[in-house]
């Protein structure tokens, strides 16, 4: 899967320039650096409890298997 580019699409930039010069409202993504603050906040809340909730849901056997797989992957790199 291709990684996302941090650069804006040329068409988005052009649309924002036209919106600014014609007095039209600028989209939220463009006005605030590309991120919706409400979405950022909700993502932050989910990230805070995500790891703990996942660890609580895993069985001891599954946690051990994940750790073994991670260790094997680390040693495989060298």
C-alpha atoms as a PDB file:
ATOM      1  CA  UNK A   1       0.000   0.000   0.000  1.00  0.00           C
ATOM      2  CA  UNK A   2       1.491   3.380  -0.920  1.00  0.00           C
ATOM      3  CA  UNK A   3       2.272   5.793   1.877  1.00  0.00           C
ATOM      4  CA  UNK A   4       0.424   9.064   2.075  1.00  0.00           C
ATOM      5  CA  UNK A   5       2.217  12.145   0.954  1.00  0.00           C
ATOM      6  CA  UNK A   6       2.512  15.021   3.375  1.00  0.00           C
ATOM      7  CA  UNK A   7       2.243  17.451   0.482  1.00  0.00           C
ATOM      8  CA  UNK A   8      -1.106  18.873  -0.552  1.00  0.00           C
ATOM      9  CA  UNK A   9      -2.636  18.059  -3.885  1.00  0.00           C
ATOM     10  CA  UNK A  10      -2.113  20.802  -6.484  1.00  0.00           C
ATOM     11  CA  UNK A  11      -5.850  20.945  -7.120  1.00  0.00           C
ATOM     12  CA  UNK A  12      -6.564  21.509  -3.420  1.00  0.00           C
ATOM     13  CA  UNK A  13      -4.064  24.345  -3.268  1.00  0.00           C
ATOM     14  CA  UNK A  14      -5.570  25.949  -6.377  1.00  0.00           C
ATOM     15  CA  UNK A  15      -9.100  25.634  -4.992  1.00  0.00           C
ATOM     16  CA  UNK A  16      -8.017  27.267  -1.725  1.00  0.00           C
ATOM     17  CA  UNK A  17      -6.378  30.170  -3.563  1.00  0.00           C
ATOM     18  CA  UNK A  18      -9.524  30.745  -5.620  1.00  0.00           C
ATOM     19  CA  UNK A  19     -11.706  30.541  -2.492  1.00  0.00           C
ATOM     20  CA  UNK A  20      -9.567  33.102  -0.666  1.00  0.00           C
ATOM     21  CA  UNK A  21      -9.521  35.581  -3.555  1.00  0.00           C
ATOM     22  CA  UNK A  22     -13.221  35.283  -4.359  1.00  0.00           C
ATOM     23  CA  UNK A  23     -14.358  35.619  -0.756  1.00  0.00           C
ATOM     24  CA  UNK A  24     -15.782  32.104  -0.518  1.00  0.00           C
ATOM     25  CA  UNK A  25     -15.364  30.154   2.723  1.00  0.00           C
ATOM     26  CA  UNK A  26     -12.170  28.138   2.867  1.00  0.00           C
ATOM     27  CA  UNK A  27     -12.613  24.429   3.759  1.00  0.00           C
ATOM     28  CA  UNK A  28     -11.762  23.530   7.378  1.00  0.00           C
ATOM     29  CA  UNK A  29      -8.890  21.267   6.302  1.00  0.00           C
ATOM     30  CA  UNK A  30      -7.180  24.142   4.528  1.00  0.00           C
ATOM     31  CA  UNK A  31      -7.896  26.740   7.189  1.00  0.00           C
ATOM     32  CA  UNK A  32      -6.384  24.765  10.047  1.00  0.00           C
ATOM     33  CA  UNK A  33      -3.319  23.119   8.597  1.00  0.00           C
ATOM     34  CA  UNK A  34      -5.088  20.127   7.051  1.00  0.00           C
ATOM     35  CA  UNK A  35      -6.562  18.633  10.216  1.00  0.00           C
ATOM     36  CA  UNK A  36      -9.973  18.966  11.778  1.00  0.00           C
ATOM     37  CA  UNK A  37      -9.371  19.802  15.470  1.00  0.00           C
ATOM     38  CA  UNK A  38     -12.404  17.794  16.627  1.00  0.00           C
ATOM     39  CA  UNK A  39     -11.144  14.722  14.781  1.00  0.00           C
ATOM     40  CA  UNK A  40      -7.663  15.184  16.234  1.00  0.00           C
ATOM     41  CA  UNK A  41      -9.119  15.352  19.749  1.00  0.00           C
ATOM     42  CA  UNK A  42     -11.241  12.232  19.265  1.00  0.00           C
ATOM     43  CA  UNK A  43      -8.256  10.368  17.832  1.00  0.00           C
ATOM     44  CA  UNK A  44      -6.214  11.383  20.842  1.00  0.00           C
ATOM     45  CA  UNK A  45      -8.873  10.061  23.213  1.00  0.00           C
ATOM     46  CA  UNK A  46      -9.007   6.747  21.391  1.00  0.00           C
ATOM     47  CA  UNK A  47      -5.217   6.491  21.367  1.00  0.00           C
ATOM     48  CA  UNK A  48      -5.001   7.008  25.105  1.00  0.00           C
ATOM     49  CA  UNK A  49      -7.223   4.072  25.946  1.00  0.00           C
ATOM     50  CA  UNK A  50      -6.516   1.913  22.895  1.00  0.00           C
ATOM     51  CA  UNK A  51      -3.382   0.090  24.043  1.00  0.00           C
ATOM     52  CA  UNK A  52      -4.662  -0.594  27.536  1.00  0.00           C
ATOM     53  CA  UNK A  53      -8.003  -1.865  26.241  1.00  0.00           C
ATOM     54  CA  UNK A  54      -6.264  -4.146  23.741  1.00  0.00           C
ATOM     55  CA  UNK A  55      -3.897  -5.536  26.388  1.00  0.00           C
ATOM     56  CA  UNK A  56      -6.821  -6.209  28.713  1.00  0.00           C
ATOM     57  CA  UNK A  57      -8.683  -8.080  25.975  1.00  0.00           C
ATOM     58  CA  UNK A  58      -5.732 -10.343  25.049  1.00  0.00           C
ATOM     59  CA  UNK A  59      -5.159 -13.655  26.748  1.00  0.00           C
ATOM     60  CA  UNK A  60      -1.812 -14.446  28.335  1.00  0.00           C
ATOM     61  CA  UNK A  61      -1.140 -17.072  25.661  1.00  0.00           C
ATOM     62  CA  UNK A  62      -1.814 -14.588  22.836  1.00  0.00           C
ATOM     63  CA  UNK A  63       0.394 -11.899  24.446  1.00  0.00           C
ATOM     64  CA  UNK A  64       3.259 -14.387  24.666  1.00  0.00           C
ATOM     65  CA  UNK A  65       2.800 -15.341  21.010  1.00  0.00           C
ATOM     66  CA  UNK A  66       2.848 -11.675  19.942  1.00  0.00           C
ATOM     67  CA  UNK A  67       6.038 -11.108  21.961  1.00  0.00           C
ATOM     68  CA  UNK A  68       7.713 -14.170  20.398  1.00  0.00           C
ATOM     69  CA  UNK A  69       6.748 -13.028  16.900  1.00  0.00           C
ATOM     70  CA  UNK A  70       8.089  -9.528  17.595  1.00  0.00           C
ATOM     71  CA  UNK A  71      11.390 -10.892  18.918  1.00  0.00           C
ATOM     72  CA  UNK A  72      11.743 -13.161  15.893  1.00  0.00           C
ATOM     73  CA  UNK A  73      11.093 -10.231  13.559  1.00  0.00           C
ATOM     74  CA  UNK A  74      13.746  -8.128  15.333  1.00  0.00           C
ATOM     75  CA  UNK A  75      16.377 -10.864  15.103  1.00  0.00           C
ATOM     76  CA  UNK A  76      15.483 -11.577  11.466  1.00  0.00           C
ATOM     77  CA  UNK A  77      16.464  -7.996  10.465  1.00  0.00           C
ATOM     78  CA  UNK A  78      20.148  -8.517  11.381  1.00  0.00           C
END
